[in-house]
């Protein structure tokens, strides 16, 4: 009878391990991939913001050079 209890206990542990593997692992992977997606979204937003800032700086620099050139021609 004691052996039967041990077999049932081991079988129960195996079933619990299979349940955790089937249910919890995909859930954790889903959370991980969502976190990766949010991180990629934030990084891509920051990169696009930096590119926009560089474009604005280039436009301002060109405008300044045009104004300085006009001023030099008028002198």
Protein backbone atom coordinates (compact mmCIF):
# COMPACT_ATOMS: atom_id res chain seq x y z
CA UNK A 1 0.00 0.00 0.00
CA UNK A 2 2.88 2.32 0.74
CA UNK A 3 4.28 1.76 -2.75
CA UNK A 4 0.92 2.69 -4.26
CA UNK A 5 0.94 5.99 -2.34
CA UNK A 6 4.44 6.75 -3.59
CA UNK A 7 3.45 5.90 -7.17
CA UNK A 8 0.36 8.14 -6.93
CA UNK A 9 2.44 10.93 -5.41
CA UNK A 10 5.04 10.72 -8.18
CA UNK A 11 2.31 10.52 -10.82
CA UNK A 12 0.64 13.59 -9.34
CA UNK A 13 3.92 15.50 -9.41
CA UNK A 14 4.47 14.52 -13.04
CA UNK A 15 0.95 15.64 -13.98
CA UNK A 16 1.48 18.92 -12.15
CA UNK A 17 4.77 19.43 -14.00
CA UNK A 18 3.10 18.71 -17.35
CA UNK A 19 0.28 21.13 -16.47
CA UNK A 20 2.76 23.86 -15.58
CA UNK A 21 4.70 23.21 -18.76
CA UNK A 22 1.58 23.31 -20.95
CA UNK A 23 -0.15 26.29 -19.30
CA UNK A 24 2.44 28.47 -17.58
CA UNK A 25 5.27 28.39 -20.12
CA UNK A 26 3.19 29.80 -23.02
CA UNK A 27 1.73 32.40 -20.65
CA UNK A 28 5.20 33.51 -19.52
CA UNK A 29 6.45 33.56 -23.11
CA UNK A 30 3.47 35.68 -24.13
CA UNK A 31 4.26 38.19 -21.38
CA UNK A 32 7.92 38.18 -22.41
CA UNK A 33 7.14 38.81 -26.07
CA UNK A 34 4.71 41.59 -25.12
CA UNK A 35 7.44 43.20 -23.03
CA UNK A 36 9.85 42.89 -25.95
CA UNK A 37 7.24 44.44 -28.25
CA UNK A 38 6.71 47.38 -25.91
CA UNK A 39 10.47 47.89 -25.63
CA UNK A 40 10.93 47.80 -29.40
CA UNK A 41 8.05 50.26 -29.81
CA UNK A 42 9.58 52.69 -27.32
CA UNK A 43 13.05 52.41 -28.87
CA UNK A 44 11.69 52.93 -32.39
CA UNK A 45 9.72 55.96 -31.18
CA UNK A 46 12.86 57.44 -29.62
CA UNK A 47 14.85 56.81 -32.80
CA UNK A 48 12.18 58.44 -34.96
CA UNK A 49 12.10 61.38 -32.56
CA UNK A 50 15.88 61.75 -32.84
CA UNK A 51 15.69 61.63 -36.65
CA UNK A 52 12.97 64.31 -36.59
CA UNK A 53 15.13 66.48 -34.34
CA UNK A 54 18.08 66.10 -36.73
CA UNK A 55 15.85 67.10 -39.68
CA UNK A 56 14.66 70.21 -37.84
CA UNK A 57 18.27 71.14 -36.99
CA UNK A 58 19.31 70.74 -40.64
CA UNK A 59 16.42 72.94 -41.83
CA UNK A 60 17.31 75.61 -39.28
CA UNK A 61 20.98 75.48 -40.27
CA UNK A 62 20.14 75.85 -43.97
CA UNK A 63 17.80 78.76 -43.17
CA UNK A 64 20.54 80.44 -41.14
CA UNK A 65 23.05 80.00 -43.97
CA UNK A 66 20.59 81.49 -46.45
CA UNK A 67 20.01 84.50 -44.19
CA UNK A 68 23.74 85.01 -43.69
CA UNK A 69 24.28 84.76 -47.46
CA UNK A 70 21.56 87.34 -48.18
CA UNK A 71 23.06 89.63 -45.55
CA UNK A 72 26.50 89.28 -47.08
CA UNK A 73 25.15 90.08 -50.55
CA UNK A 74 23.36 93.20 -49.29
CA UNK A 75 26.52 94.66 -47.74
